[in-house]
Amino acid sequence: MLDKQMEAASERFIRTIKETEIYKKYMYQLEKIKRNPELFEKVNEFRQRNYEIQNTSQENELFEKMDAFEREYEKFRENPIVDDFLRAELAFCRMMQEINIYVTEELNFE
């Protein structure tokens, strides 16, 4: 459980993240794609398959599997709503990864 000082600092940090253009764009694209439940379901299937391939494949077969996966979903990704959402999500994920790396390094956490 966070003490009051850490909780307040965390809330300020979260507000700061929510004020970024990257987060705002991600939320806009998320709301936009959710207006089409069938498309959002397909995007979630795409995301799940992508995750599974990247996290269960052996290193020597990863490139081949990802290449086949990208070919399979090439037409799907041409949909501007899908592409805009996935690009916004990737940008947000990268920002969060950078934040995590920065915090971990600054705390000398090994």
PDB file of N, CA and C in Angstrom:
ATOM      1  N   MET A   1       0.846  -1.182   0.000  1.00  0.00           N
ATOM      2  CA  MET A   1       0.000   0.000   0.000  1.00  0.00           C
ATOM      3  C   MET A   1       0.886   1.238   0.000  1.00  0.00           C
ATOM      4  N   LEU A   2       0.543   2.179  -0.849  1.00  0.00           N
ATOM      5  CA  LEU A   2       1.311   3.416  -0.929  1.00  0.00           C
ATOM      6  C   LEU A   2       1.008   4.316   0.251  1.00  0.00           C
ATOM      7  N   ASP A   3       2.062   4.987   0.722  1.00  0.00           N
ATOM      8  CA  ASP A   3       1.780   5.995   1.744  1.00  0.00           C
ATOM      9  C   ASP A   3       1.183   7.217   1.046  1.00  0.00           C
ATOM     10  N   LYS A   4       0.676   8.152   1.819  1.00  0.00           N
ATOM     11  CA  LYS A   4      -0.048   9.303   1.265  1.00  0.00           C
ATOM     12  C   LYS A   4       0.809  10.129   0.301  1.00  0.00           C
ATOM     13  N   GLN A   5       2.088  10.309   0.640  1.00  0.00           N
ATOM     14  CA  GLN A   5       2.979  11.102  -0.206  1.00  0.00           C
ATOM     15  C   GLN A   5       3.191  10.423  -1.559  1.00  0.00           C
ATOM     16  N   MET A   6       3.415   9.116  -1.550  1.00  0.00           N
ATOM     17  CA  MET A   6       3.612   8.374  -2.802  1.00  0.00           C
ATOM     18  C   MET A   6       2.319   8.327  -3.610  1.00  0.00           C
ATOM     19  N   GLU A   7       1.209   8.181  -2.940  1.00  0.00           N
ATOM     20  CA  GLU A   7      -0.078   8.153  -3.632  1.00  0.00           C
ATOM     21  C   GLU A   7      -0.340   9.492  -4.341  1.00  0.00           C
ATOM     22  N   ALA A   8      -0.075  10.583  -3.658  1.00  0.00           N
ATOM     23  CA  ALA A   8      -0.278  11.910  -4.245  1.00  0.00           C
ATOM     24  C   ALA A   8       0.665  12.124  -5.433  1.00  0.00           C
ATOM     25  N   ALA A   9       1.916  11.717  -5.283  1.00  0.00           N
ATOM     26  CA  ALA A   9       2.882  11.851  -6.378  1.00  0.00           C
ATOM     27  C   ALA A   9       2.462  10.990  -7.569  1.00  0.00           C
ATOM     28  N   SER A  10       1.969   9.797  -7.304  1.00  0.00           N
ATOM     29  CA  SER A  10       1.511   8.907  -8.375  1.00  0.00           C
ATOM     30  C   SER A  10       0.319   9.509  -9.109  1.00  0.00           C
ATOM     31  N   GLU A  11      -0.592  10.099  -8.375  1.00  0.00           N
ATOM     32  CA  GLU A  11      -1.766  10.735  -8.992  1.00  0.00           C
ATOM     33  C   GLU A  11      -1.344  11.901  -9.883  1.00  0.00           C
ATOM     34  N   ARG A  12      -0.356  12.688  -9.442  1.00  0.00           N
ATOM     35  CA  ARG A  12       0.156  13.797 -10.262  1.00  0.00           C
ATOM     36  C   ARG A  12       0.817  13.248 -11.524  1.00  0.00           C
ATOM     37  N   PHE A  13       1.566  12.181 -11.368  1.00  0.00           N
ATOM     38  CA  PHE A  13       2.257  11.555 -12.494  1.00  0.00           C
ATOM     39  C   PHE A  13       1.242  11.032 -13.518  1.00  0.00           C
ATOM     40  N   ILE A  14       0.200  10.392 -13.051  1.00  0.00           N
ATOM     41  CA  ILE A  14      -0.850   9.874 -13.934  1.00  0.00           C
ATOM     42  C   ILE A  14      -1.541  11.022 -14.663  1.00  0.00           C
ATOM     43  N   ARG A  15      -1.824  12.102 -13.962  1.00  0.00           N
ATOM     44  CA  ARG A  15      -2.435  13.268 -14.611  1.00  0.00           C
ATOM     45  C   ARG A  15      -1.519  13.811 -15.709  1.00  0.00           C
ATOM     46  N   THR A  16      -0.223  13.808 -15.430  1.00  0.00           N
ATOM     47  CA  THR A  16       0.742  14.290 -16.416  1.00  0.00           C
ATOM     48  C   THR A  16       0.738  13.400 -17.655  1.00  0.00           C
ATOM     49  N   ILE A  17       0.704  12.095 -17.460  1.00  0.00           N
ATOM     50  CA  ILE A  17       0.624  11.172 -18.598  1.00  0.00           C
ATOM     51  C   ILE A  17      -0.644  11.437 -19.402  1.00  0.00           C
ATOM     52  N   LYS A  18      -1.755  11.615 -18.713  1.00  0.00           N
ATOM     53  CA  LYS A  18      -3.034  11.844 -19.391  1.00  0.00           C
ATOM     54  C   LYS A  18      -3.051  13.156 -20.172  1.00  0.00           C
ATOM     55  N   GLU A  19      -2.171  14.072 -19.842  1.00  0.00           N
ATOM     56  CA  GLU A  19      -2.100  15.353 -20.543  1.00  0.00           C
ATOM     57  C   GLU A  19      -1.247  15.300 -21.800  1.00  0.00           C
ATOM     58  N   THR A  20      -0.533  14.191 -22.017  1.00  0.00           N
ATOM     59  CA  THR A  20       0.325  14.103 -23.200  1.00  0.00           C
ATOM     60  C   THR A  20      -0.514  13.913 -24.457  1.00  0.00           C
ATOM     61  N   GLU A  21       0.005  14.396 -25.564  1.00  0.00           N
ATOM     62  CA  GLU A  21      -0.667  14.206 -26.856  1.00  0.00           C
ATOM     63  C   GLU A  21      -0.730  12.721 -27.220  1.00  0.00           C
ATOM     64  N   ILE A  22       0.279  11.969 -26.848  1.00  0.00           N
ATOM     65  CA  ILE A  22       0.300  10.531 -27.152  1.00  0.00           C
ATOM     66  C   ILE A  22      -0.869   9.830 -26.468  1.00  0.00           C
ATOM     67  N   TYR A  23      -1.077  10.117 -25.201  1.00  0.00           N
ATOM     68  CA  TYR A  23      -2.184   9.491 -24.472  1.00  0.00           C
ATOM     69  C   TYR A  23      -3.525   9.951 -25.036  1.00  0.00           C
ATOM     70  N   LYS A  24      -3.660  11.247 -25.289  1.00  0.00           N
ATOM     71  CA  LYS A  24      -4.921  11.780 -25.814  1.00  0.00           C
ATOM     72  C   LYS A  24      -5.253  11.155 -27.167  1.00  0.00           C
ATOM     73  N   LYS A  25      -4.241  11.000 -28.012  1.00  0.00           N
ATOM     74  CA  LYS A  25      -4.474  10.393 -29.328  1.00  0.00           C
ATOM     75  C   LYS A  25      -4.882   8.934 -29.174  1.00  0.00           C
ATOM     76  N   TYR A  26      -4.214   8.221 -28.267  1.00  0.00           N
ATOM     77  CA  TYR A  26      -4.573   6.823 -28.019  1.00  0.00           C
ATOM     78  C   TYR A  26      -6.025   6.717 -27.545  1.00  0.00           C
ATOM     79  N   MET A  27      -6.417   7.539 -26.600  1.00  0.00           N
ATOM     80  CA  MET A  27      -7.785   7.484 -26.092  1.00  0.00           C
ATOM     81  C   MET A  27      -8.800   7.840 -27.174  1.00  0.00           C
ATOM     82  N   TYR A  28      -8.472   8.820 -28.003  1.00  0.00           N
ATOM     83  CA  TYR A  28      -9.359   9.194 -29.103  1.00  0.00           C
ATOM     84  C   TYR A  28      -9.540   8.009 -30.062  1.00  0.00           C
ATOM     85  N   GLN A  29      -8.442   7.382 -30.430  1.00  0.00           N
ATOM     86  CA  GLN A  29      -8.506   6.252 -31.361  1.00  0.00           C
ATOM     87  C   GLN A  29      -9.202   5.051 -30.727  1.00  0.00           C
ATOM     88  N   LEU A  30      -9.003   4.842 -29.439  1.00  0.00           N
ATOM     89  CA  LEU A  30      -9.678   3.748 -28.737  1.00  0.00           C
ATOM     90  C   LEU A  30     -11.188   3.959 -28.753  1.00  0.00           C
ATOM     91  N   GLU A  31     -11.618   5.161 -28.423  1.00  0.00           N
ATOM     92  CA  GLU A  31     -13.055   5.473 -28.450  1.00  0.00           C
ATOM     93  C   GLU A  31     -13.622   5.306 -29.855  1.00  0.00           C
ATOM     94  N   LYS A  32     -12.854   5.741 -30.833  1.00  0.00           N
ATOM     95  CA  LYS A  32     -13.291   5.663 -32.228  1.00  0.00           C
ATOM     96  C   LYS A  32     -13.493   4.211 -32.679  1.00  0.00           C
ATOM     97  N   ILE A  33     -12.539   3.346 -32.362  1.00  0.00           N
ATOM     98  CA  ILE A  33     -12.642   1.958 -32.818  1.00  0.00           C
ATOM     99  C   ILE A  33     -13.708   1.191 -32.039  1.00  0.00           C
ATOM    100  N   LYS A  34     -13.928   1.577 -30.794  1.00  0.00           N
ATOM    101  CA  LYS A  34     -14.955   0.898 -29.989  1.00  0.00           C
ATOM    102  C   LYS A  34     -16.364   1.173 -30.493  1.00  0.00           C
ATOM    103  N   ARG A  35     -16.525   2.195 -31.314  1.00  0.00           N
ATOM    104  CA  ARG A  35     -17.834   2.477 -31.903  1.00  0.00           C
ATOM    105  C   ARG A  35     -18.268   1.383 -32.874  1.00  0.00           C
ATOM    106  N   ASN A  36     -17.299   0.587 -33.297  1.00  0.00           N
ATOM    107  CA  ASN A  36     -17.577  -0.533 -34.194  1.00  0.00           C
ATOM    108  C   ASN A  36     -17.166  -1.814 -33.452  1.00  0.00           C
ATOM    109  N   PRO A  37     -18.078  -2.402 -32.674  1.00  0.00           N
ATOM    110  CA  PRO A  37     -17.722  -3.555 -31.835  1.00  0.00           C
ATOM    111  C   PRO A  37     -17.121  -4.736 -32.609  1.00  0.00           C
ATOM    112  N   GLU A  38     -17.607  -5.003 -33.808  1.00  0.00           N
ATOM    113  CA  GLU A  38     -17.051  -6.114 -34.591  1.00  0.00           C
ATOM    114  C   GLU A  38     -15.604  -5.843 -34.976  1.00  0.00           C
ATOM    115  N   LEU A  39     -15.325  -4.615 -35.398  1.00  0.00           N
ATOM    116  CA  LEU A  39     -13.963  -4.252 -35.765  1.00  0.00           C
ATOM    117  C   LEU A  39     -13.057  -4.283 -34.540  1.00  0.00           C
ATOM    118  N   PHE A  40     -13.557  -3.793 -33.416  1.00  0.00           N
ATOM    119  CA  PHE A  40     -12.769  -3.813 -32.186  1.00  0.00           C
ATOM    120  C   PHE A  40     -12.464  -5.251 -31.750  1.00  0.00           C
ATOM    121  N   GLU A  41     -13.420  -6.140 -31.930  1.00  0.00           N
ATOM    122  CA  GLU A  41     -13.195  -7.551 -31.609  1.00  0.00           C
ATOM    123  C   GLU A  41     -12.091  -8.134 -32.496  1.00  0.00           C
ATOM    124  N   LYS A  42     -12.118  -7.790 -33.780  1.00  0.00           N
ATOM    125  CA  LYS A  42     -11.072  -8.276 -34.693  1.00  0.00           C
ATOM    126  C   LYS A  42      -9.705  -7.700 -34.327  1.00  0.00           C
ATOM    127  N   VAL A  43      -9.684  -6.440 -33.915  1.00  0.00           N
ATOM    128  CA  VAL A  43      -8.424  -5.830 -33.478  1.00  0.00           C
ATOM    129  C   VAL A  43      -7.898  -6.560 -32.244  1.00  0.00           C
ATOM    130  N   ASN A  44      -8.777  -6.898 -31.327  1.00  0.00           N
ATOM    131  CA  ASN A  44      -8.353  -7.629 -30.128  1.00  0.00           C
ATOM    132  C   ASN A  44      -7.819  -9.012 -30.475  1.00  0.00           C
ATOM    133  N   GLU A  45      -8.424  -9.672 -31.450  1.00  0.00           N
ATOM    134  CA  GLU A  45      -7.900 -10.962 -31.918  1.00  0.00           C
ATOM    135  C   GLU A  45      -6.518 -10.781 -32.526  1.00  0.00           C
ATOM    136  N   PHE A  46      -6.356  -9.742 -33.337  1.00  0.00           N
ATOM    137  CA  PHE A  46      -5.057  -9.419 -33.926  1.00  0.00           C
ATOM    138  C   PHE A  46      -4.010  -9.201 -32.841  1.00  0.00           C
ATOM    139  N   ARG A  47      -4.361  -8.403 -31.845  1.00  0.00           N
ATOM    140  CA  ARG A  47      -3.430  -8.105 -30.752  1.00  0.00           C
ATOM    141  C   ARG A  47      -3.066  -9.368 -29.976  1.00  0.00           C
ATOM    142  N   GLN A  48      -4.060 -10.211 -29.714  1.00  0.00           N
ATOM    143  CA  GLN A  48      -3.814 -11.452 -28.969  1.00  0.00           C
ATOM    144  C   GLN A  48      -2.880 -12.379 -29.752  1.00  0.00           C
ATOM    145  N   ARG A  49      -3.149 -12.550 -31.040  1.00  0.00           N
ATOM    146  CA  ARG A  49      -2.280 -13.414 -31.862  1.00  0.00           C
ATOM    147  C   ARG A  49      -0.870 -12.862 -31.929  1.00  0.00           C
ATOM    148  N   ASN A  50      -0.745 -11.553 -32.097  1.00  0.00           N
ATOM    149  CA  ASN A  50       0.559 -10.911 -32.148  1.00  0.00           C
ATOM    150  C   ASN A  50       1.326 -11.170 -30.850  1.00  0.00           C
ATOM    151  N   TYR A  51       0.653 -10.980 -29.733  1.00  0.00           N
ATOM    152  CA  TYR A  51       1.266 -11.222 -28.421  1.00  0.00           C
ATOM    153  C   TYR A  51       1.727 -12.674 -28.293  1.00  0.00           C
ATOM    154  N   GLU A  52       0.859 -13.598 -28.655  1.00  0.00           N
ATOM    155  CA  GLU A  52       1.193 -15.022 -28.536  1.00  0.00           C
ATOM    156  C   GLU A  52       2.392 -15.398 -29.397  1.00  0.00           C
ATOM    157  N   ILE A  53       2.429 -14.908 -30.625  1.00  0.00           N
ATOM    158  CA  ILE A  53       3.552 -15.217 -31.510  1.00  0.00           C
ATOM    159  C   ILE A  53       4.848 -14.684 -30.919  1.00  0.00           C
ATOM    160  N   GLN A  54       4.815 -13.447 -30.455  1.00  0.00           N
ATOM    161  CA  GLN A  54       6.037 -12.837 -29.934  1.00  0.00           C
ATOM    162  C   GLN A  54       6.501 -13.449 -28.617  1.00  0.00           C
ATOM    163  N   ASN A  55       5.588 -14.030 -27.854  1.00  0.00           N
ATOM    164  CA  ASN A  55       5.953 -14.537 -26.541  1.00  0.00           C
ATOM    165  C   ASN A  55       6.032 -16.056 -26.434  1.00  0.00           C
ATOM    166  N   THR A  56       5.689 -16.762 -27.492  1.00  0.00           N
ATOM    167  CA  THR A  56       5.777 -18.226 -27.431  1.00  0.00           C
ATOM    168  C   THR A  56       6.676 -18.811 -28.499  1.00  0.00           C
ATOM    169  N   SER A  57       7.091 -18.004 -29.463  1.00  0.00           N
ATOM    170  CA  SER A  57       7.926 -18.508 -30.552  1.00  0.00           C
ATOM    171  C   SER A  57       9.384 -18.560 -30.132  1.00  0.00           C
ATOM    172  N   GLN A  58      10.059 -19.559 -30.667  1.00  0.00           N
ATOM    173  CA  GLN A  58      11.506 -19.641 -30.469  1.00  0.00           C
ATOM    174  C   GLN A  58      12.160 -18.546 -31.308  1.00  0.00           C
ATOM    175  N   GLU A  59      13.295 -18.067 -30.857  1.00  0.00           N
ATOM    176  CA  GLU A  59      13.975 -16.966 -31.530  1.00  0.00           C
ATOM    177  C   GLU A  59      14.231 -17.267 -33.004  1.00  0.00           C
ATOM    178  N   ASN A  60      14.623 -18.513 -33.304  1.00  0.00           N
ATOM    179  CA  ASN A  60      14.962 -18.862 -34.683  1.00  0.00           C
ATOM    180  C   ASN A  60      13.746 -18.930 -35.611  1.00  0.00           C
ATOM    181  N   GLU A  61      12.538 -18.989 -35.061  1.00  0.00           N
ATOM    182  CA  GLU A  61      11.341 -19.047 -35.900  1.00  0.00           C
ATOM    183  C   GLU A  61      10.490 -17.778 -35.810  1.00  0.00           C
ATOM    184  N   LEU A  62      10.873 -16.861 -34.963  1.00  0.00           N
ATOM    185  CA  LEU A  62      10.070 -15.657 -34.738  1.00  0.00           C
ATOM    186  C   LEU A  62       9.911 -14.824 -36.006  1.00  0.00           C
ATOM    187  N   PHE A  63      11.006 -14.581 -36.715  1.00  0.00           N
ATOM    188  CA  PHE A  63      10.934 -13.751 -37.918  1.00  0.00           C
ATOM    189  C   PHE A  63       9.981 -14.353 -38.933  1.00  0.00           C
ATOM    190  N   GLU A  64      10.088 -15.625 -39.156  1.00  0.00           N
ATOM    191  CA  GLU A  64       9.227 -16.301 -40.137  1.00  0.00           C
ATOM    192  C   GLU A  64       7.758 -16.226 -39.724  1.00  0.00           C
ATOM    193  N   LYS A  65       7.481 -16.468 -38.451  1.00  0.00           N
ATOM    194  CA  LYS A  65       6.101 -16.420 -37.967  1.00  0.00           C
ATOM    195  C   LYS A  65       5.533 -15.004 -38.041  1.00  0.00           C
ATOM    196  N   MET A  66       6.335 -14.020 -37.676  1.00  0.00           N
ATOM    197  CA  MET A  66       5.868 -12.635 -37.737  1.00  0.00           C
ATOM    198  C   MET A  66       5.645 -12.196 -39.176  1.00  0.00           C
ATOM    199  N   ASP A  67       6.496 -12.642 -40.077  1.00  0.00           N
ATOM    200  CA  ASP A  67       6.330 -12.316 -41.486  1.00  0.00           C
ATOM    201  C   ASP A  67       5.009 -12.893 -42.011  1.00  0.00           C
ATOM    202  N   ALA A  68       4.732 -14.142 -41.692  1.00  0.00           N
ATOM    203  CA  ALA A  68       3.477 -14.774 -42.118  1.00  0.00           C
ATOM    204  C   ALA A  68       2.271 -14.069 -41.488  1.00  0.00           C
ATOM    205  N   PHE A  69       2.400 -13.721 -40.229  1.00  0.00           N
ATOM    206  CA  PHE A  69       1.332 -13.021 -39.514  1.00  0.00           C
ATOM    207  C   PHE A  69       1.041 -11.674 -40.183  1.00  0.00           C
ATOM    208  N   GLU A  70       2.086 -10.930 -40.503  1.00  0.00           N
ATOM    209  CA  GLU A  70       1.904  -9.627 -41.137  1.00  0.00           C
ATOM    210  C   GLU A  70       1.271  -9.756 -42.519  1.00  0.00           C
ATOM    211  N   ARG A  71       1.647 -10.781 -43.273  1.00  0.00           N
ATOM    212  CA  ARG A  71       1.026 -11.007 -44.589  1.00  0.00           C
ATOM    213  C   ARG A  71      -0.455 -11.343 -44.431  1.00  0.00           C
ATOM    214  N   GLU A  72      -0.771 -12.183 -43.433  1.00  0.00           N
ATOM    215  CA  GLU A  72      -2.153 -12.597 -43.194  1.00  0.00           C
ATOM    216  C   GLU A  72      -3.048 -11.397 -42.869  1.00  0.00           C
ATOM    217  N   TYR A  73      -2.515 -10.450 -42.123  1.00  0.00           N
ATOM    218  CA  TYR A  73      -3.303  -9.301 -41.674  1.00  0.00           C
ATOM    219  C   TYR A  73      -3.055  -8.035 -42.492  1.00  0.00           C
ATOM    220  N   GLU A  74      -2.381  -8.149 -43.614  1.00  0.00           N
ATOM    221  CA  GLU A  74      -2.034  -6.973 -44.414  1.00  0.00           C
ATOM    222  C   GLU A  74      -3.280  -6.179 -44.828  1.00  0.00           C
ATOM    223  N   LYS A  75      -4.286  -6.844 -45.375  1.00  0.00           N
ATOM    224  CA  LYS A  75      -5.519  -6.158 -45.802  1.00  0.00           C
ATOM    225  C   LYS A  75      -6.246  -5.549 -44.606  1.00  0.00           C
ATOM    226  N   PHE A  76      -6.278  -6.267 -43.513  1.00  0.00           N
ATOM    227  CA  PHE A  76      -6.927  -5.781 -42.294  1.00  0.00           C
ATOM    228  C   PHE A  76      -6.283  -4.478 -41.844  1.00  0.00           C
ATOM    229  N   ARG A  77      -4.967  -4.422 -41.880  1.00  0.00           N
ATOM    230  CA  ARG A  77      -4.226  -3.229 -41.441  1.00  0.00           C
ATOM    231  C   ARG A  77      -4.414  -2.044 -42.380  1.00  0.00           C
ATOM    232  N   GLU A  78      -4.902  -2.294 -43.593  1.00  0.00           N
ATOM    233  CA  GLU A  78      -5.141  -1.203 -44.535  1.00  0.00           C
ATOM    234  C   GLU A  78      -6.354  -0.358 -44.147  1.00  0.00           C
ATOM    235  N   ASN A  79      -7.192  -0.883 -43.279  1.00  0.00           N
ATOM    236  CA  ASN A  79      -8.340  -0.122 -42.794  1.00  0.00           C
ATOM    237  C   ASN A  79      -7.795   1.049 -41.966  1.00  0.00           C
ATOM    238  N   PRO A  80      -8.099   2.295 -42.351  1.00  0.00           N
ATOM    239  CA  PRO A  80      -7.535   3.453 -41.636  1.00  0.00           C
ATOM    240  C   PRO A  80      -7.899   3.492 -40.150  1.00  0.00           C
ATOM    241  N   ILE A  81      -9.078   3.035 -39.795  1.00  0.00           N
ATOM    242  CA  ILE A  81      -9.475   3.039 -38.383  1.00  0.00           C
ATOM    243  C   ILE A  81      -8.596   2.077 -37.598  1.00  0.00           C
ATOM    244  N   VAL A  82      -8.349   0.903 -38.164  1.00  0.00           N
ATOM    245  CA  VAL A  82      -7.490  -0.102 -37.531  1.00  0.00           C
ATOM    246  C   VAL A  82      -6.063   0.420 -37.435  1.00  0.00           C
ATOM    247  N   ASP A  83      -5.557   0.900 -38.553  1.00  0.00           N
ATOM    248  CA  ASP A  83      -4.168   1.355 -38.586  1.00  0.00           C
ATOM    249  C   ASP A  83      -3.942   2.527 -37.636  1.00  0.00           C
ATOM    250  N   ASP A  84      -4.859   3.485 -37.634  1.00  0.00           N
ATOM    251  CA  ASP A  84      -4.716   4.639 -36.735  1.00  0.00           C
ATOM    252  C   ASP A  84      -4.724   4.205 -35.276  1.00  0.00           C
ATOM    253  N   PHE A  85      -5.614   3.252 -34.934  1.00  0.00           N
ATOM    254  CA  PHE A  85      -5.658   2.780 -33.554  1.00  0.00           C
ATOM    255  C   PHE A  85      -4.356   2.067 -33.185  1.00  0.00           C
ATOM    256  N   LEU A  86      -3.914   1.144 -34.033  1.00  0.00           N
ATOM    257  CA  LEU A  86      -2.717   0.369 -33.703  1.00  0.00           C
ATOM    258  C   LEU A  86      -1.478   1.251 -33.620  1.00  0.00           C
ATOM    259  N   ARG A  87      -1.405   2.269 -34.458  1.00  0.00           N
ATOM    260  CA  ARG A  87      -0.268   3.205 -34.381  1.00  0.00           C
ATOM    261  C   ARG A  87      -0.316   4.018 -33.080  1.00  0.00           C
ATOM    262  N   ALA A  88      -1.499   4.461 -32.708  1.00  0.00           N
ATOM    263  CA  ALA A  88      -1.642   5.231 -31.463  1.00  0.00           C
ATOM    264  C   ALA A  88      -1.329   4.354 -30.254  1.00  0.00           C
ATOM    265  N   GLU A  89      -1.787   3.113 -30.300  1.00  0.00           N
ATOM    266  CA  GLU A  89      -1.511   2.187 -29.202  1.00  0.00           C
ATOM    267  C   GLU A  89      -0.018   1.914 -29.082  1.00  0.00           C
ATOM    268  N   LEU A  90       0.643   1.700 -30.204  1.00  0.00           N
ATOM    269  CA  LEU A  90       2.083   1.444 -30.194  1.00  0.00           C
ATOM    270  C   LEU A  90       2.845   2.641 -29.628  1.00  0.00           C
ATOM    271  N   ALA A  91       2.467   3.843 -30.042  1.00  0.00           N
ATOM    272  CA  ALA A  91       3.137   5.038 -29.525  1.00  0.00           C
ATOM    273  C   ALA A  91       2.954   5.144 -28.012  1.00  0.00           C
ATOM    274  N   PHE A  92       1.743   4.863 -27.537  1.00  0.00           N
ATOM    275  CA  PHE A  92       1.496   4.926 -26.096  1.00  0.00           C
ATOM    276  C   PHE A  92       2.301   3.851 -25.358  1.00  0.00           C
ATOM    277  N   CYS A  93       2.324   2.651 -25.902  1.00  0.00           N
ATOM    278  CA  CYS A  93       3.096   1.562 -25.271  1.00  0.00           C
ATOM    279  C   CYS A  93       4.584   1.905 -25.211  1.00  0.00           C
ATOM    280  N   ARG A  94       5.090   2.474 -26.283  1.00  0.00           N
ATOM    281  CA  ARG A  94       6.511   2.852 -26.297  1.00  0.00           C
ATOM    282  C   ARG A  94       6.799   3.931 -25.261  1.00  0.00           C
ATOM    283  N   MET A  95       5.889   4.901 -25.129  1.00  0.00           N
ATOM    284  CA  MET A  95       6.071   5.938 -24.124  1.00  0.00           C
ATOM    285  C   MET A  95       6.102   5.315 -22.729  1.00  0.00           C
ATOM    286  N   MET A  96       5.182   4.389 -22.458  1.00  0.00           N
ATOM    287  CA  MET A  96       5.140   3.744 -21.146  1.00  0.00           C
ATOM    288  C   MET A  96       6.399   2.900 -20.911  1.00  0.00           C
ATOM    289  N   GLN A  97       6.899   2.258 -21.944  1.00  0.00           N
ATOM    290  CA  GLN A  97       8.142   1.490 -21.804  1.00  0.00           C
ATOM    291  C   GLN A  97       9.307   2.411 -21.468  1.00  0.00           C
ATOM    292  N   GLU A  98       9.381   3.543 -22.156  1.00  0.00           N
ATOM    293  CA  GLU A  98      10.454   4.503 -21.885  1.00  0.00           C
ATOM    294  C   GLU A  98      10.379   5.023 -20.450  1.00  0.00           C
ATOM    295  N   ILE A  99       9.166   5.287 -19.987  1.00  0.00           N
ATOM    296  CA  ILE A  99       8.985   5.737 -18.606  1.00  0.00           C
ATOM    297  C   ILE A  99       9.459   4.659 -17.645  1.00  0.00           C
ATOM    298  N   ASN A 100       9.076   3.436 -17.891  1.00  0.00           N
ATOM    299  CA  ASN A 100       9.465   2.322 -17.018  1.00  0.00           C
ATOM    300  C   ASN A 100      10.984   2.153 -16.999  1.00  0.00           C
ATOM    301  N   ILE A 101      11.615   2.221 -18.152  1.00  0.00           N
ATOM    302  CA  ILE A 101      13.077   2.098 -18.221  1.00  0.00           C
ATOM    303  C   ILE A 101      13.738   3.235 -17.444  1.00  0.00           C
ATOM    304  N   TYR A 102      13.250   4.443 -17.646  1.00  0.00           N
ATOM    305  CA  TYR A 102      13.818   5.603 -16.969  1.00  0.00           C
ATOM    306  C   TYR A 102      13.709   5.469 -15.449  1.00  0.00           C
ATOM    307  N   VAL A 103      12.528   5.126 -14.954  1.00  0.00           N
ATOM    308  CA  VAL A 103      12.323   4.990 -13.510  1.00  0.00           C
ATOM    309  C   VAL A 103      13.220   3.882 -12.956  1.00  0.00           C
ATOM    310  N   THR A 104      13.257   2.760 -13.640  1.00  0.00           N
ATOM    311  CA  THR A 104      14.066   1.633 -13.183  1.00  0.00           C
ATOM    312  C   THR A 104      15.539   1.995 -13.125  1.00  0.00           C
ATOM    313  N   GLU A 105      16.021   2.674 -14.156  1.00  0.00           N
ATOM    314  CA  GLU A 105      17.433   3.091 -14.169  1.00  0.00           C
ATOM    315  C   GLU A 105      17.741   4.100 -13.063  1.00  0.00           C
ATOM    316  N   GLU A 106      16.847   5.056 -12.870  1.00  0.00           N
ATOM    317  CA  GLU A 106      17.066   6.085 -11.859  1.00  0.00           C
ATOM    318  C   GLU A 106      17.053   5.525 -10.443  1.00  0.00           C
ATOM    319  N   LEU A 107      16.359   4.406 -10.253  1.00  0.00           N
ATOM    320  CA  LEU A 107      16.307   3.774  -8.935  1.00  0.00           C
ATOM    321  C   LEU A 107      17.403   2.717  -8.760  1.00  0.00           C
ATOM    322  N   ASN A 108      18.239   2.549  -9.793  1.00  0.00           N
ATOM    323  CA  ASN A 108      19.289   1.538  -9.765  1.00  0.00           C
ATOM    324  C   ASN A 108      18.720   0.158  -9.441  1.00  0.00           C
ATOM    325  N   PHE A 109      17.588  -0.134 -10.023  1.00  0.00           N
ATOM    326  CA  PHE A 109      16.905  -1.422  -9.797  1.00  0.00           C
ATOM    327  C   PHE A 109      17.450  -2.434 -10.782  1.00  0.00           C
ATOM    328  N   GLU A 110      18.010  -3.510 -10.241  1.00  0.00           N
ATOM    329  CA  GLU A 110      18.598  -4.537 -11.121  1.00  0.00           C
ATOM    330  C   GLU A 110      17.773  -5.776 -11.108  1.00  0.00           C
TER     331      GLU A 110
END
